[in-house]
Amino acid sequence: MENIDIQKYKENPKTEFYVVEYDRLQSEIDESLEMATDEEMKVLAEEEIKKLRKQQQDIITQMDGILESEIEEEKFPNEIILEVRAGAGGDEASLFAFQLAEMYSRFSEKKGWIVNKLDESMTTAGGYKEASFEIKGRGVYKTLRYETGIHRVQRIPATEKQGRIHTSTATVAVLPVRKKFTFEINPADLDMELSRSGGAGGQNVNKVETAVRLIHKPTGMSVRSTAERSQQKNREKALSILSMKIEEMLKEKEDAKYASERKDQVGTGNRSEKIRTYNYPQNRITDHRVKESWHKIDAAMLGDIDDIVEAVDKYNEGLE
């Protein structure tokens, strides 16, 4: 039990309780060491010390496991913000964005994850201009991290009278919610706009300005939160998401320096990259990164995309 850095366990709230037990065992070991100086008690004392040190080692193993799981969770958090935005294609693009959001929500529900809508902006056609969702669950970021990018749909819109196939796009962004931010926002760099949270929710929703939109002036990036009941909680939520998005943007810029090394591989995770096409006339979904296709659009829209996300993940793991 030499050279154990017990301090790192004391500083972690998840392991500090175990340190108390570790120290208690150490006190018993110290007492047994004193007993071992007595020849008559030496054998018994040494047996007791051996048992106590085994218990200490078990505690160290438990604490190491906790710290390792925290490192893993920091790399692959169990919470994400998923954003969808309509791209090129007008109303058809907004309807496709809505369908993608529904697809990911249904997939998440099948996984047992919790989905919470943070904000939405609807079109008159019933689609999404943009929407953001908070999704929590074990393995959520590790599973969905390669869904970021441009999704393209090819189909005949309901309003198309001549039967022509239209091409529209929607953008998906998957942002990991990490516990530690390296980027801190200066309050002086923020503008805040208040508005009423639209939709169902009682009189409070319609009369009180609880929705918060924060604008980061240096980057022009903005976040709106309407999910919480109070203005303060929506501000806190928006600030957290804004910090995360700016940090992710800085990371993307850093990654872009090395993007050429993986240009024709699985992709960089950049939201400007076309990753998948949903061809309705041929009932075909094609992922352009792994160059594979699946004939199951209806099932996919109902959340059956396990094989698709697994294929992308497996392909990417082979490149790392």
Foldseek 3Di string as FASTA:
>chain_A
DPPDPCVVQCPDPVRVVLVVVLVVLVVLLVVLVVQLVDVVCVVVSVVSNVVSVVVNVVSVVVSVVVVVVLVVCQVQPQKKKKKKAWDPDPPVSQQVSQLVVLQQVLLLVVVVKDKAWFDFDADPSGGTNMTMIMIGDPRPCVLCLLVFAKEKEWAQDPPHPVRHIDITIMGMAIFHQHPDFPDDADPVQKDKDWDAQDDDDDPLRVPDGQKIKIARNVVRDIFIGDRDSHNVVRVVVRNSVVSRVVRVVVVLVVVVVVCVVQVLALDDSHHHHYAWYQYVVQCWIAGNRLGDIDNHVPVSSSNPCNVVSVSSSVRVVVVD
